[in-house]
N, C-alpha and C. Protein backbone atom coordinates (compact mmCIF):
# COMPACT_ATOMS: atom_id res chain seq x y z
N MET A 1 40.06 46.82 15.58
CA MET A 1 38.90 46.47 16.33
C MET A 1 39.23 46.51 17.81
N SER A 2 38.31 47.02 18.52
CA SER A 2 38.53 47.05 19.96
C SER A 2 38.02 45.77 20.57
N ASN A 3 38.36 45.57 21.78
CA ASN A 3 38.00 44.34 22.48
C ASN A 3 36.49 44.22 22.67
N GLY A 4 35.77 45.33 22.85
CA GLY A 4 34.33 45.32 23.05
C GLY A 4 33.57 44.93 21.80
N SER A 5 34.03 45.38 20.63
CA SER A 5 33.33 45.05 19.40
C SER A 5 33.54 43.59 19.01
N SER A 6 34.68 43.03 19.34
CA SER A 6 34.90 41.62 19.03
C SER A 6 34.03 40.73 19.91
N ALA A 7 33.78 41.16 21.13
CA ALA A 7 32.88 40.41 22.01
C ALA A 7 31.45 40.48 21.48
N TRP A 8 31.09 41.66 20.99
CA TRP A 8 29.75 41.82 20.40
C TRP A 8 29.59 40.94 19.17
N LEU A 9 30.64 40.86 18.36
CA LEU A 9 30.61 40.04 17.15
C LEU A 9 30.51 38.55 17.51
N ALA A 10 31.24 38.13 18.54
CA ALA A 10 31.18 36.73 18.97
C ALA A 10 29.78 36.39 19.51
N THR A 11 29.16 37.33 20.21
CA THR A 11 27.81 37.11 20.74
C THR A 11 26.81 37.00 19.59
N ALA A 12 26.95 37.83 18.58
CA ALA A 12 26.06 37.80 17.42
C ALA A 12 26.22 36.48 16.65
N GLN A 13 27.46 36.03 16.50
CA GLN A 13 27.70 34.77 15.81
C GLN A 13 27.12 33.59 16.61
N ALA A 14 27.25 33.64 17.92
CA ALA A 14 26.71 32.58 18.77
C ALA A 14 25.18 32.56 18.67
N ALA A 15 24.56 33.73 18.63
CA ALA A 15 23.11 33.81 18.51
C ALA A 15 22.65 33.28 17.16
N ALA A 16 23.38 33.59 16.10
CA ALA A 16 23.05 33.10 14.77
C ALA A 16 23.21 31.58 14.71
N LEU A 17 24.28 31.08 15.36
CA LEU A 17 24.50 29.64 15.39
C LEU A 17 23.38 28.93 16.16
N GLN A 18 22.96 29.53 17.27
CA GLN A 18 21.85 28.96 18.04
C GLN A 18 20.57 28.93 17.22
N ALA A 19 20.32 29.99 16.47
CA ALA A 19 19.12 30.05 15.63
C ALA A 19 19.16 28.98 14.55
N GLN A 20 20.33 28.76 13.95
CA GLN A 20 20.46 27.72 12.93
C GLN A 20 20.24 26.33 13.54
N ILE A 21 20.80 26.11 14.71
CA ILE A 21 20.62 24.82 15.38
C ILE A 21 19.15 24.60 15.71
N TYR A 22 18.49 25.64 16.20
CA TYR A 22 17.07 25.53 16.55
C TYR A 22 16.23 25.21 15.31
N HIS A 23 16.47 25.89 14.21
CA HIS A 23 15.69 25.66 12.99
C HIS A 23 15.96 24.26 12.43
N HIS A 24 17.21 23.81 12.51
CA HIS A 24 17.52 22.47 12.04
C HIS A 24 16.83 21.42 12.91
N ALA A 25 16.85 21.60 14.21
CA ALA A 25 16.19 20.66 15.12
C ALA A 25 14.68 20.64 14.88
N LEU A 26 14.11 21.81 14.64
CA LEU A 26 12.68 21.89 14.38
C LEU A 26 12.33 21.17 13.08
N ALA A 27 13.14 21.37 12.05
CA ALA A 27 12.88 20.70 10.77
C ALA A 27 13.06 19.19 10.89
N ALA A 28 14.10 18.76 11.59
CA ALA A 28 14.34 17.32 11.75
C ALA A 28 13.23 16.67 12.57
N GLY A 29 12.78 17.34 13.62
CA GLY A 29 11.70 16.80 14.45
C GLY A 29 10.39 16.73 13.68
N SER A 30 10.12 17.73 12.87
CA SER A 30 8.91 17.73 12.06
C SER A 30 8.95 16.61 11.03
N ALA A 31 10.10 16.42 10.40
CA ALA A 31 10.23 15.35 9.41
C ALA A 31 10.06 13.99 10.07
N ARG A 32 10.62 13.81 11.25
CA ARG A 32 10.47 12.53 11.95
C ARG A 32 9.02 12.30 12.36
N GLY A 33 8.34 13.36 12.77
CA GLY A 33 6.93 13.22 13.12
C GLY A 33 6.09 12.80 11.93
N HIS A 34 6.36 13.36 10.76
CA HIS A 34 5.62 12.95 9.56
C HIS A 34 5.93 11.50 9.19
N LEU A 35 7.18 11.09 9.37
CA LEU A 35 7.55 9.71 9.07
C LEU A 35 6.83 8.74 10.01
N VAL A 36 6.77 9.07 11.28
CA VAL A 36 6.08 8.22 12.25
C VAL A 36 4.59 8.16 11.93
N SER A 37 3.99 9.29 11.60
CA SER A 37 2.56 9.28 11.29
C SER A 37 2.27 8.47 10.02
N ALA A 38 3.15 8.50 9.04
CA ALA A 38 2.98 7.68 7.85
C ALA A 38 3.08 6.20 8.20
N GLY A 39 3.98 5.85 9.10
CA GLY A 39 4.10 4.47 9.54
C GLY A 39 2.86 3.99 10.27
N VAL A 40 2.28 4.85 11.11
CA VAL A 40 1.05 4.50 11.81
C VAL A 40 -0.09 4.31 10.81
N LEU A 41 -0.15 5.14 9.79
CA LEU A 41 -1.18 5.01 8.76
C LEU A 41 -1.05 3.68 8.03
N VAL A 42 0.15 3.31 7.64
CA VAL A 42 0.35 2.03 6.94
C VAL A 42 -0.01 0.87 7.85
N LEU A 43 0.39 0.94 9.11
CA LEU A 43 0.06 -0.12 10.06
C LEU A 43 -1.45 -0.26 10.24
N SER A 44 -2.16 0.87 10.33
CA SER A 44 -3.61 0.80 10.49
C SER A 44 -4.28 0.23 9.24
N LEU A 45 -3.77 0.53 8.05
CA LEU A 45 -4.32 -0.05 6.82
C LEU A 45 -4.10 -1.56 6.78
N VAL A 46 -2.91 -2.00 7.19
CA VAL A 46 -2.63 -3.44 7.20
C VAL A 46 -3.55 -4.14 8.18
N ILE A 47 -3.74 -3.57 9.36
CA ILE A 47 -4.63 -4.17 10.36
C ILE A 47 -6.06 -4.21 9.84
N ALA A 48 -6.51 -3.13 9.22
CA ALA A 48 -7.88 -3.09 8.69
C ALA A 48 -8.08 -4.14 7.61
N LEU A 49 -7.13 -4.29 6.71
CA LEU A 49 -7.25 -5.29 5.64
C LEU A 49 -7.20 -6.70 6.22
N PHE A 50 -6.40 -6.92 7.23
CA PHE A 50 -6.33 -8.24 7.85
C PHE A 50 -7.63 -8.57 8.57
N MET A 51 -8.24 -7.60 9.19
CA MET A 51 -9.46 -7.84 9.96
C MET A 51 -10.67 -8.05 9.06
N MET A 52 -10.64 -7.55 7.84
CA MET A 52 -11.79 -7.70 6.94
C MET A 52 -11.97 -9.15 6.49
N ARG A 53 -10.89 -9.84 6.23
CA ARG A 53 -10.93 -11.24 5.82
C ARG A 53 -11.89 -11.48 4.66
N VAL A 54 -11.68 -10.79 3.59
CA VAL A 54 -12.51 -10.95 2.40
C VAL A 54 -11.97 -12.12 1.60
N SER A 55 -12.84 -13.06 1.26
CA SER A 55 -12.41 -14.22 0.48
C SER A 55 -12.77 -14.01 -0.99
N ARG A 56 -12.24 -14.89 -1.83
CA ARG A 56 -12.54 -14.79 -3.27
C ARG A 56 -14.02 -15.02 -3.53
N ALA A 57 -14.64 -15.89 -2.75
CA ALA A 57 -16.07 -16.14 -2.93
C ALA A 57 -16.89 -14.89 -2.64
N ASP A 58 -16.46 -14.11 -1.64
CA ASP A 58 -17.16 -12.86 -1.34
C ASP A 58 -17.02 -11.86 -2.48
N LEU A 59 -15.86 -11.85 -3.11
CA LEU A 59 -15.61 -10.89 -4.19
C LEU A 59 -16.26 -11.30 -5.50
N SER A 60 -16.55 -12.59 -5.69
CA SER A 60 -17.11 -13.05 -6.95
C SER A 60 -18.57 -12.65 -7.12
N GLY A 61 -19.24 -12.28 -6.04
CA GLY A 61 -20.63 -11.86 -6.13
C GLY A 61 -21.60 -13.01 -5.98
N ALA A 62 -21.10 -14.19 -5.71
CA ALA A 62 -21.98 -15.35 -5.52
C ALA A 62 -22.72 -15.19 -4.21
N GLY A 63 -24.03 -15.35 -4.27
CA GLY A 63 -24.84 -15.24 -3.06
C GLY A 63 -24.81 -16.54 -2.28
N PRO A 64 -25.53 -16.59 -1.19
CA PRO A 64 -25.59 -17.83 -0.42
C PRO A 64 -26.32 -18.91 -1.21
N ALA A 65 -26.13 -20.15 -0.82
CA ALA A 65 -26.77 -21.27 -1.50
C ALA A 65 -28.29 -21.11 -1.41
N PRO A 66 -29.04 -21.53 -2.45
CA PRO A 66 -30.49 -21.31 -2.47
C PRO A 66 -31.22 -21.92 -1.27
N GLY A 67 -30.79 -23.06 -0.76
CA GLY A 67 -31.50 -23.70 0.33
C GLY A 67 -31.10 -23.20 1.70
N SER A 68 -30.12 -22.33 1.78
CA SER A 68 -29.63 -21.94 3.09
C SER A 68 -30.47 -20.84 3.74
N ALA A 69 -31.17 -20.04 2.96
CA ALA A 69 -31.92 -18.92 3.54
C ALA A 69 -33.19 -19.40 4.22
N GLY A 70 -33.79 -20.39 3.71
CA GLY A 70 -35.03 -20.90 4.30
C GLY A 70 -35.55 -22.04 3.44
N ASN A 71 -36.12 -23.03 4.03
CA ASN A 71 -36.58 -24.19 3.28
C ASN A 71 -38.09 -24.10 3.12
N ALA A 72 -38.56 -24.05 1.88
CA ALA A 72 -40.00 -23.90 1.62
C ALA A 72 -40.76 -25.17 1.97
N SER A 73 -40.07 -26.30 1.96
CA SER A 73 -40.76 -27.55 2.27
C SER A 73 -40.76 -27.85 3.77
N ALA A 74 -40.17 -26.97 4.55
CA ALA A 74 -40.14 -27.19 5.99
C ALA A 74 -41.54 -27.03 6.56
N PRO A 75 -41.88 -27.83 7.55
CA PRO A 75 -43.23 -27.73 8.11
C PRO A 75 -43.45 -26.39 8.79
N GLY A 76 -44.61 -25.83 8.55
CA GLY A 76 -44.95 -24.55 9.16
C GLY A 76 -45.87 -24.78 10.35
N PRO A 77 -46.60 -23.77 10.74
CA PRO A 77 -47.53 -23.95 11.85
C PRO A 77 -48.64 -24.90 11.44
N GLU A 78 -48.96 -25.79 12.31
CA GLU A 78 -49.99 -26.80 11.99
C GLU A 78 -51.38 -26.23 12.18
N THR A 79 -52.30 -26.71 11.32
CA THR A 79 -53.71 -26.31 11.46
C THR A 79 -54.43 -27.35 12.31
N PRO A 80 -55.45 -26.94 13.01
CA PRO A 80 -56.20 -27.92 13.81
C PRO A 80 -56.80 -28.99 12.91
N ALA A 81 -56.99 -30.16 13.46
CA ALA A 81 -57.50 -31.30 12.69
C ALA A 81 -58.86 -30.99 12.09
N GLY A 82 -59.03 -31.30 10.83
CA GLY A 82 -60.30 -31.12 10.16
C GLY A 82 -60.51 -29.74 9.59
N GLN A 83 -59.62 -28.81 9.78
CA GLN A 83 -59.79 -27.46 9.24
C GLN A 83 -58.82 -27.26 8.08
N THR A 84 -59.23 -26.45 7.14
CA THR A 84 -58.35 -26.09 6.03
C THR A 84 -58.19 -24.58 6.00
N LEU A 85 -57.10 -24.15 5.49
CA LEU A 85 -56.84 -22.71 5.37
C LEU A 85 -57.41 -22.22 4.05
N SER A 86 -58.12 -21.11 4.09
CA SER A 86 -58.67 -20.56 2.87
C SER A 86 -58.15 -19.14 2.69
N VAL A 87 -58.00 -18.77 1.44
CA VAL A 87 -57.52 -17.44 1.10
C VAL A 87 -58.72 -16.65 0.60
N PRO A 88 -59.00 -15.48 1.15
CA PRO A 88 -60.16 -14.70 0.69
C PRO A 88 -59.96 -14.29 -0.76
N ALA A 89 -61.07 -14.25 -1.49
CA ALA A 89 -61.05 -13.85 -2.90
C ALA A 89 -60.86 -12.34 -2.99
N VAL A 90 -60.10 -11.93 -3.97
CA VAL A 90 -59.85 -10.50 -4.20
C VAL A 90 -60.52 -10.13 -5.51
N SER A 91 -61.39 -9.14 -5.46
CA SER A 91 -62.05 -8.73 -6.70
C SER A 91 -61.14 -7.80 -7.48
N GLN A 92 -61.20 -7.89 -8.76
CA GLN A 92 -60.36 -7.04 -9.60
C GLN A 92 -61.09 -5.78 -10.01
N ASN A 93 -62.36 -5.64 -9.68
CA ASN A 93 -63.13 -4.44 -9.99
C ASN A 93 -63.04 -3.50 -8.80
N ALA A 94 -62.11 -2.62 -8.85
CA ALA A 94 -61.95 -1.75 -7.70
C ALA A 94 -62.57 -0.40 -7.90
């Protein structure tokens, strides 16, 4: 082998080594990026579940207490003294 061909061989080996290093760095960086994104996803799920604050009563399907929505015995608008409210008759022969 002459001196020129050995230099060419060393340059080719160096280029191949650089390509291997580049591909390894690209693969390692991509893997780390996926790992970080998975961590962010888990963190966002934990935060979302914490912020929902669902209790067992909410999950049981029990509605609010019957008297809490509105009280039927509560006083409504008052009528003037001496007047009564009347409901018009509805005929069933339409």
